Amino acid sequence: MTPGESTQLAGIQHGGVLLGMILVAVIGTLFKRGRHAALRRWTVGGCLASAVALFSIAFGGFVGPEWPLRASVFGV
């Protein structure tokens, strides 16, 4: 990848992180009852989702260039 392409890929990853943080903030605000337990579950769920996305990036190395790399990086 060129430096510009890798910078764009990093921007996609940061956009996914921002979207995840906004989602947790909105859901945490909507469901105030049991807030600490809910935030803990969302944190664990986010970590598991990130692990799945990271695995998909690693798996994409075996598949080749037709793997949707940008979608996998967005999920990390």
PDB file of N, CA and C in Angstrom:
ATOM      1  N   MET A   1       0.843  -1.183   0.000  1.00  0.00           N
ATOM      2  CA  MET A   1       0.000   0.000   0.000  1.00  0.00           C
ATOM      3  C   MET A   1       0.886   1.244   0.000  1.00  0.00           C
ATOM      4  N   THR A   2       0.393   2.265  -0.626  1.00  0.00           N
ATOM      5  CA  THR A   2       1.106   3.537  -0.603  1.00  0.00           C
ATOM      6  C   THR A   2       0.844   4.220   0.741  1.00  0.00           C
ATOM      7  N   PRO A   3       1.639   5.227   1.081  1.00  0.00           N
ATOM      8  CA  PRO A   3       1.372   5.947   2.334  1.00  0.00           C
ATOM      9  C   PRO A   3      -0.036   6.554   2.376  1.00  0.00           C
ATOM     10  N   GLY A   4      -0.519   7.039   1.261  1.00  0.00           N
ATOM     11  CA  GLY A   4      -1.864   7.615   1.230  1.00  0.00           C
ATOM     12  C   GLY A   4      -2.945   6.570   1.469  1.00  0.00           C
ATOM     13  N   GLU A   5      -2.759   5.385   0.888  1.00  0.00           N
ATOM     14  CA  GLU A   5      -3.739   4.314   1.078  1.00  0.00           C
ATOM     15  C   GLU A   5      -3.758   3.825   2.519  1.00  0.00           C
ATOM     16  N   SER A   6      -2.597   3.701   3.132  1.00  0.00           N
ATOM     17  CA  SER A   6      -2.567   3.253   4.526  1.00  0.00           C
ATOM     18  C   SER A   6      -3.133   4.325   5.454  1.00  0.00           C
ATOM     19  N   THR A   7      -2.966   5.589   5.103  1.00  0.00           N
ATOM     20  CA  THR A   7      -3.561   6.672   5.896  1.00  0.00           C
ATOM     21  C   THR A   7      -5.082   6.629   5.791  1.00  0.00           C
ATOM     22  N   GLN A   8      -5.584   6.366   4.587  1.00  0.00           N
ATOM     23  CA  GLN A   8      -7.033   6.233   4.415  1.00  0.00           C
ATOM     24  C   GLN A   8      -7.574   5.050   5.219  1.00  0.00           C
ATOM     25  N   LEU A   9      -6.831   3.955   5.232  1.00  0.00           N
ATOM     26  CA  LEU A   9      -7.241   2.785   5.993  1.00  0.00           C
ATOM     27  C   LEU A   9      -7.268   3.087   7.493  1.00  0.00           C
ATOM     28  N   ALA A  10      -6.296   3.855   7.966  1.00  0.00           N
ATOM     29  CA  ALA A  10      -6.287   4.259   9.377  1.00  0.00           C
ATOM     30  C   ALA A  10      -7.488   5.155   9.681  1.00  0.00           C
ATOM     31  N   GLY A  11      -7.860   6.015   8.740  1.00  0.00           N
ATOM     32  CA  GLY A  11      -9.038   6.859   8.920  1.00  0.00           C
ATOM     33  C   GLY A  11     -10.312   6.040   9.014  1.00  0.00           C
ATOM     34  N   ILE A  12     -10.411   4.976   8.228  1.00  0.00           N
ATOM     35  CA  ILE A  12     -11.565   4.085   8.296  1.00  0.00           C
ATOM     36  C   ILE A  12     -11.629   3.412   9.665  1.00  0.00           C
ATOM     37  N   GLN A  13     -10.475   2.983  10.167  1.00  0.00           N
ATOM     38  CA  GLN A  13     -10.424   2.339  11.481  1.00  0.00           C
ATOM     39  C   GLN A  13     -10.843   3.313  12.574  1.00  0.00           C
ATOM     40  N   HIS A  14     -10.382   4.536  12.503  1.00  0.00           N
ATOM     41  CA  HIS A  14     -10.751   5.539  13.506  1.00  0.00           C
ATOM     42  C   HIS A  14     -12.238   5.861  13.430  1.00  0.00           C
ATOM     43  N   GLY A  15     -12.805   5.865  12.234  1.00  0.00           N
ATOM     44  CA  GLY A  15     -14.242   6.086  12.087  1.00  0.00           C
ATOM     45  C   GLY A  15     -15.050   4.987  12.749  1.00  0.00           C
ATOM     46  N   GLY A  16     -14.599   3.741  12.630  1.00  0.00           N
ATOM     47  CA  GLY A  16     -15.273   2.625  13.290  1.00  0.00           C
ATOM     48  C   GLY A  16     -15.207   2.736  14.802  1.00  0.00           C
ATOM     49  N   VAL A  17     -14.057   3.149  15.312  1.00  0.00           N
ATOM     50  CA  VAL A  17     -13.909   3.338  16.762  1.00  0.00           C
ATOM     51  C   VAL A  17     -14.841   4.444  17.251  1.00  0.00           C
ATOM     52  N   LEU A  18     -14.882   5.546  16.527  1.00  0.00           N
ATOM     53  CA  LEU A  18     -15.751   6.660  16.911  1.00  0.00           C
ATOM     54  C   LEU A  18     -17.220   6.232  16.902  1.00  0.00           C
ATOM     55  N   LEU A  19     -17.624   5.503  15.873  1.00  0.00           N
ATOM     56  CA  LEU A  19     -19.006   5.044  15.802  1.00  0.00           C
ATOM     57  C   LEU A  19     -19.335   4.122  16.978  1.00  0.00           C
ATOM     58  N   GLY A  20     -18.420   3.245  17.333  1.00  0.00           N
ATOM     59  CA  GLY A  20     -18.639   2.359  18.476  1.00  0.00           C
ATOM     60  C   GLY A  20     -18.767   3.121  19.778  1.00  0.00           C
ATOM     61  N   MET A  21     -17.943   4.141  19.976  1.00  0.00           N
ATOM     62  CA  MET A  21     -18.010   4.933  21.208  1.00  0.00           C
ATOM     63  C   MET A  21     -19.313   5.719  21.276  1.00  0.00           C
ATOM     64  N   ILE A  22     -19.757   6.245  20.150  1.00  0.00           N
ATOM     65  CA  ILE A  22     -21.028   6.978  20.121  1.00  0.00           C
ATOM     66  C   ILE A  22     -22.180   6.021  20.417  1.00  0.00           C
ATOM     67  N   LEU A  23     -22.130   4.834  19.842  1.00  0.00           N
ATOM     68  CA  LEU A  23     -23.178   3.845  20.077  1.00  0.00           C
ATOM     69  C   LEU A  23     -23.277   3.475  21.550  1.00  0.00           C
ATOM     70  N   VAL A  24     -22.164   3.249  22.209  1.00  0.00           N
ATOM     71  CA  VAL A  24     -22.178   2.912  23.629  1.00  0.00           C
ATOM     72  C   VAL A  24     -22.700   4.085  24.457  1.00  0.00           C
ATOM     73  N   ALA A  25     -22.326   5.298  24.099  1.00  0.00           N
ATOM     74  CA  ALA A  25     -22.803   6.469  24.841  1.00  0.00           C
ATOM     75  C   ALA A  25     -24.316   6.630  24.707  1.00  0.00           C
ATOM     76  N   VAL A  26     -24.840   6.443  23.507  1.00  0.00           N
ATOM     77  CA  VAL A  26     -26.283   6.589  23.289  1.00  0.00           C
ATOM     78  C   VAL A  26     -27.052   5.491  24.016  1.00  0.00           C
ATOM     79  N   ILE A  27     -26.600   4.271  23.902  1.00  0.00           N
ATOM     80  CA  ILE A  27     -27.290   3.169  24.568  1.00  0.00           C
ATOM     81  C   ILE A  27     -27.179   3.293  26.085  1.00  0.00           C
ATOM     82  N   GLY A  28     -26.025   3.726  26.574  1.00  0.00           N
ATOM     83  CA  GLY A  28     -25.864   3.941  28.011  1.00  0.00           C
ATOM     84  C   GLY A  28     -26.785   5.024  28.536  1.00  0.00           C
ATOM     85  N   THR A  29     -27.068   6.022  27.720  1.00  0.00           N
ATOM     86  CA  THR A  29     -27.975   7.091  28.110  1.00  0.00           C
ATOM     87  C   THR A  29     -29.429   6.614  28.089  1.00  0.00           C
ATOM     88  N   LEU A  30     -29.776   5.803  27.114  1.00  0.00           N
ATOM     89  CA  LEU A  30     -31.157   5.337  26.996  1.00  0.00           C
ATOM     90  C   LEU A  30     -31.530   4.354  28.088  1.00  0.00           C
ATOM     91  N   PHE A  31     -30.599   3.515  28.472  1.00  0.00           N
ATOM     92  CA  PHE A  31     -30.880   2.495  29.483  1.00  0.00           C
ATOM     93  C   PHE A  31     -30.103   2.815  30.747  1.00  0.00           C
ATOM     94  N   LYS A  32     -30.648   3.717  31.550  1.00  0.00           N
ATOM     95  CA  LYS A  32     -29.940   4.161  32.756  1.00  0.00           C
ATOM     96  C   LYS A  32     -30.021   3.150  33.889  1.00  0.00           C
ATOM     97  N   ARG A  33     -31.046   2.333  33.916  1.00  0.00           N
ATOM     98  CA  ARG A  33     -31.194   1.335  34.982  1.00  0.00           C
ATOM     99  C   ARG A  33     -30.135   0.247  34.788  1.00  0.00           C
ATOM    100  N   GLY A  34     -29.423  -0.081  35.846  1.00  0.00           N
ATOM    101  CA  GLY A  34     -28.366  -1.081  35.753  1.00  0.00           C
ATOM    102  C   GLY A  34     -27.226  -0.621  34.869  1.00  0.00           C
ATOM    103  N   ARG A  35     -26.929   0.663  34.941  1.00  0.00           N
ATOM    104  CA  ARG A  35     -26.002   1.287  34.003  1.00  0.00           C
ATOM    105  C   ARG A  35     -24.608   0.672  34.025  1.00  0.00           C
ATOM    106  N   HIS A  36     -24.079   0.402  35.221  1.00  0.00           N
ATOM    107  CA  HIS A  36     -22.712  -0.117  35.297  1.00  0.00           C
ATOM    108  C   HIS A  36     -22.622  -1.522  34.708  1.00  0.00           C
ATOM    109  N   ALA A  37     -23.606  -2.336  34.991  1.00  0.00           N
ATOM    110  CA  ALA A  37     -23.601  -3.694  34.441  1.00  0.00           C
ATOM    111  C   ALA A  37     -23.773  -3.662  32.930  1.00  0.00           C
ATOM    112  N   ALA A  38     -24.633  -2.762  32.446  1.00  0.00           N
ATOM    113  CA  ALA A  38     -24.846  -2.659  31.003  1.00  0.00           C
ATOM    114  C   ALA A  38     -23.584  -2.179  30.302  1.00  0.00           C
ATOM    115  N   LEU A  39     -22.912  -1.193  30.863  1.00  0.00           N
ATOM    116  CA  LEU A  39     -21.684  -0.702  30.247  1.00  0.00           C
ATOM    117  C   LEU A  39     -20.600  -1.772  30.240  1.00  0.00           C
ATOM    118  N   ARG A  40     -20.570  -2.575  31.291  1.00  0.00           N
ATOM    119  CA  ARG A  40     -19.592  -3.664  31.350  1.00  0.00           C
ATOM    120  C   ARG A  40     -19.882  -4.675  30.240  1.00  0.00           C
ATOM    121  N   ARG A  41     -21.149  -5.004  30.053  1.00  0.00           N
ATOM    122  CA  ARG A  41     -21.505  -5.952  28.983  1.00  0.00           C
ATOM    123  C   ARG A  41     -21.176  -5.379  27.607  1.00  0.00           C
ATOM    124  N   TRP A  42     -21.460  -4.087  27.415  1.00  0.00           N
ATOM    125  CA  TRP A  42     -21.145  -3.469  26.132  1.00  0.00           C
ATOM    126  C   TRP A  42     -19.636  -3.426  25.889  1.00  0.00           C
ATOM    127  N   THR A  43     -18.870  -3.215  26.952  1.00  0.00           N
ATOM    128  CA  THR A  43     -17.413  -3.203  26.813  1.00  0.00           C
ATOM    129  C   THR A  43     -16.907  -4.583  26.407  1.00  0.00           C
ATOM    130  N   VAL A  44     -17.399  -5.610  27.074  1.00  0.00           N
ATOM    131  CA  VAL A  44     -16.998  -6.976  26.729  1.00  0.00           C
ATOM    132  C   VAL A  44     -17.455  -7.317  25.312  1.00  0.00           C
ATOM    133  N   GLY A  45     -18.676  -6.950  24.976  1.00  0.00           N
ATOM    134  CA  GLY A  45     -19.185  -7.202  23.624  1.00  0.00           C
ATOM    135  C   GLY A  45     -18.363  -6.492  22.555  1.00  0.00           C
ATOM    136  N   GLY A  46     -17.959  -5.262  22.840  1.00  0.00           N
ATOM    137  CA  GLY A  46     -17.126  -4.526  21.902  1.00  0.00           C
ATOM    138  C   GLY A  46     -15.766  -5.162  21.714  1.00  0.00           C
ATOM    139  N   CYS A  47     -15.197  -5.660  22.802  1.00  0.00           N
ATOM    140  CA  CYS A  47     -13.907  -6.345  22.713  1.00  0.00           C
ATOM    141  C   CYS A  47     -14.029  -7.629  21.902  1.00  0.00           C
ATOM    142  N   LEU A  48     -15.111  -8.371  22.108  1.00  0.00           N
ATOM    143  CA  LEU A  48     -15.320  -9.595  21.332  1.00  0.00           C
ATOM    144  C   LEU A  48     -15.534  -9.291  19.852  1.00  0.00           C
ATOM    145  N   ALA A  49     -16.295  -8.252  19.558  1.00  0.00           N
ATOM    146  CA  ALA A  49     -16.510  -7.856  18.166  1.00  0.00           C
ATOM    147  C   ALA A  49     -15.194  -7.419  17.522  1.00  0.00           C
ATOM    148  N   SER A  50     -14.369  -6.719  18.271  1.00  0.00           N
ATOM    149  CA  SER A  50     -13.068  -6.306  17.754  1.00  0.00           C
ATOM    150  C   SER A  50     -12.177  -7.515  17.496  1.00  0.00           C
ATOM    151  N   ALA A  51     -12.254  -8.509  18.376  1.00  0.00           N
ATOM    152  CA  ALA A  51     -11.473  -9.729  18.172  1.00  0.00           C
ATOM    153  C   ALA A  51     -11.914 -10.463  16.910  1.00  0.00           C
ATOM    154  N   VAL A  52     -13.213 -10.504  16.661  1.00  0.00           N
ATOM    155  CA  VAL A  52     -13.722 -11.140  15.443  1.00  0.00           C
ATOM    156  C   VAL A  52     -13.236 -10.379  14.208  1.00  0.00           C
ATOM    157  N   ALA A  53     -13.279  -9.049  14.271  1.00  0.00           N
ATOM    158  CA  ALA A  53     -12.813  -8.249  13.140  1.00  0.00           C
ATOM    159  C   ALA A  53     -11.315  -8.436  12.913  1.00  0.00           C
ATOM    160  N   LEU A  54     -10.549  -8.515  13.987  1.00  0.00           N
ATOM    161  CA  LEU A  54      -9.113  -8.739  13.853  1.00  0.00           C
ATOM    162  C   LEU A  54      -8.825 -10.111  13.258  1.00  0.00           C
ATOM    163  N   PHE A  55      -9.602 -11.107  13.673  1.00  0.00           N
ATOM    164  CA  PHE A  55      -9.467 -12.436  13.075  1.00  0.00           C
ATOM    165  C   PHE A  55      -9.797 -12.389  11.591  1.00  0.00           C
ATOM    166  N   SER A  56     -10.820 -11.609  11.217  1.00  0.00           N
ATOM    167  CA  SER A  56     -11.182 -11.520   9.799  1.00  0.00           C
ATOM    168  C   SER A  56     -10.081 -10.856   8.977  1.00  0.00           C
ATOM    169  N   ILE A  57      -9.364  -9.915   9.571  1.00  0.00           N
ATOM    170  CA  ILE A  57      -8.226  -9.307   8.866  1.00  0.00           C
ATOM    171  C   ILE A  57      -7.139 -10.352   8.644  1.00  0.00           C
ATOM    172  N   ALA A  58      -6.864 -11.139   9.675  1.00  0.00           N
ATOM    173  CA  ALA A  58      -5.847 -12.187   9.549  1.00  0.00           C
ATOM    174  C   ALA A  58      -6.286 -13.239   8.525  1.00  0.00           C
ATOM    175  N   PHE A  59      -7.558 -13.610   8.555  1.00  0.00           N
ATOM    176  CA  PHE A  59      -8.083 -14.589   7.600  1.00  0.00           C
ATOM    177  C   PHE A  59      -8.026 -14.044   6.177  1.00  0.00           C
ATOM    178  N   GLY A  60      -8.232 -12.746   6.035  1.00  0.00           N
ATOM    179  CA  GLY A  60      -8.174 -12.121   4.721  1.00  0.00           C
ATOM    180  C   GLY A  60      -6.823 -12.264   4.057  1.00  0.00           C
ATOM    181  N   GLY A  61      -5.771 -12.417   4.848  1.00  0.00           N
ATOM    182  CA  GLY A  61      -4.444 -12.637   4.274  1.00  0.00           C
ATOM    183  C   GLY A  61      -4.357 -13.953   3.525  1.00  0.00           C
ATOM    184  N   PHE A  62      -5.129 -14.950   3.947  1.00  0.00           N
ATOM    185  CA  PHE A  62      -5.154 -16.234   3.254  1.00  0.00           C
ATOM    186  C   PHE A  62      -6.033 -16.189   2.004  1.00  0.00           C
ATOM    187  N   VAL A  63      -7.066 -15.355   2.035  1.00  0.00           N
ATOM    188  CA  VAL A  63      -8.003 -15.280   0.917  1.00  0.00           C
ATOM    189  C   VAL A  63      -7.387 -14.516  -0.247  1.00  0.00           C
ATOM    190  N   GLY A  64      -6.777 -13.376   0.040  1.00  0.00           N
ATOM    191  CA  GLY A  64      -6.138 -12.600  -1.014  1.00  0.00           C
ATOM    192  C   GLY A  64      -6.783 -11.251  -1.215  1.00  0.00           C
ATOM    193  N   PRO A  65      -6.491 -10.624  -2.340  1.00  0.00           N
ATOM    194  CA  PRO A  65      -6.938  -9.238  -2.582  1.00  0.00           C
ATOM    195  C   PRO A  65      -8.449  -9.063  -2.669  1.00  0.00           C
ATOM    196  N   GLU A  66      -9.198 -10.134  -2.922  1.00  0.00           N
ATOM    197  CA  GLU A  66     -10.649  -9.968  -3.026  1.00  0.00           C
ATOM    198  C   GLU A  66     -11.340  -9.873  -1.670  1.00  0.00           C
ATOM    199  N   TRP A  67     -10.590 -10.030  -0.574  1.00  0.00           N
ATOM    200  CA  TRP A  67     -11.152  -9.908   0.776  1.00  0.00           C
ATOM    201  C   TRP A  67     -11.542  -8.457   1.051  1.00  0.00           C
ATOM    202  N   PRO A  68     -12.703  -8.189   1.666  1.00  0.00           N
ATOM    203  CA  PRO A  68     -13.127  -6.803   1.955  1.00  0.00           C
ATOM    204  C   PRO A  68     -12.328  -6.229   3.150  1.00  0.00           C
ATOM    205  N   LEU A  69     -11.139  -5.796   2.859  1.00  0.00           N
ATOM    206  CA  LEU A  69     -10.229  -5.319   3.909  1.00  0.00           C
ATOM    207  C   LEU A  69     -10.777  -4.087   4.626  1.00  0.00           C
ATOM    208  N   ARG A  70     -11.331  -3.159   3.881  1.00  0.00           N
ATOM    209  CA  ARG A  70     -11.842  -1.927   4.508  1.00  0.00           C
ATOM    210  C   ARG A  70     -12.951  -2.214   5.509  1.00  0.00           C
ATOM    211  N   ALA A  71     -13.836  -3.129   5.188  1.00  0.00           N
ATOM    212  CA  ALA A  71     -14.925  -3.486   6.117  1.00  0.00           C
ATOM    213  C   ALA A  71     -14.348  -4.161   7.367  1.00  0.00           C
ATOM    214  N   SER A  72     -13.343  -5.000   7.178  1.00  0.00           N
ATOM    215  CA  SER A  72     -12.726  -5.665   8.332  1.00  0.00           C
ATOM    216  C   SER A  72     -12.016  -4.663   9.225  1.00  0.00           C
ATOM    217  N   VAL A  73     -11.331  -3.703   8.630  1.00  0.00           N
ATOM    218  CA  VAL A  73     -10.613  -2.694   9.415  1.00  0.00           C
ATOM    219  C   VAL A  73     -11.609  -1.774  10.120  1.00  0.00           C
ATOM    220  N   PHE A  74     -12.743  -1.472   9.508  1.00  0.00           N
ATOM    221  CA  PHE A  74     -13.760  -0.633  10.139  1.00  0.00           C
ATOM    222  C   PHE A  74     -14.259  -1.272  11.430  1.00  0.00           C
ATOM    223  N   GLY A  75     -14.338  -2.603  11.458  1.00  0.00           N
ATOM    224  CA  GLY A  75     -14.825  -3.296  12.643  1.00  0.00           C
ATOM    225  C   GLY A  75     -13.850  -3.354  13.792  1.00  0.00           C
ATOM    226  N   VAL A  76     -12.594  -3.144  13.517  1.00  0.00           N
ATOM    227  CA  VAL A  76     -11.580  -3.198  14.597  1.00  0.00           C
ATOM    228  C   VAL A  76     -11.707  -1.941  15.399  1.00  0.00           C
TER     229      VAL A  76
END
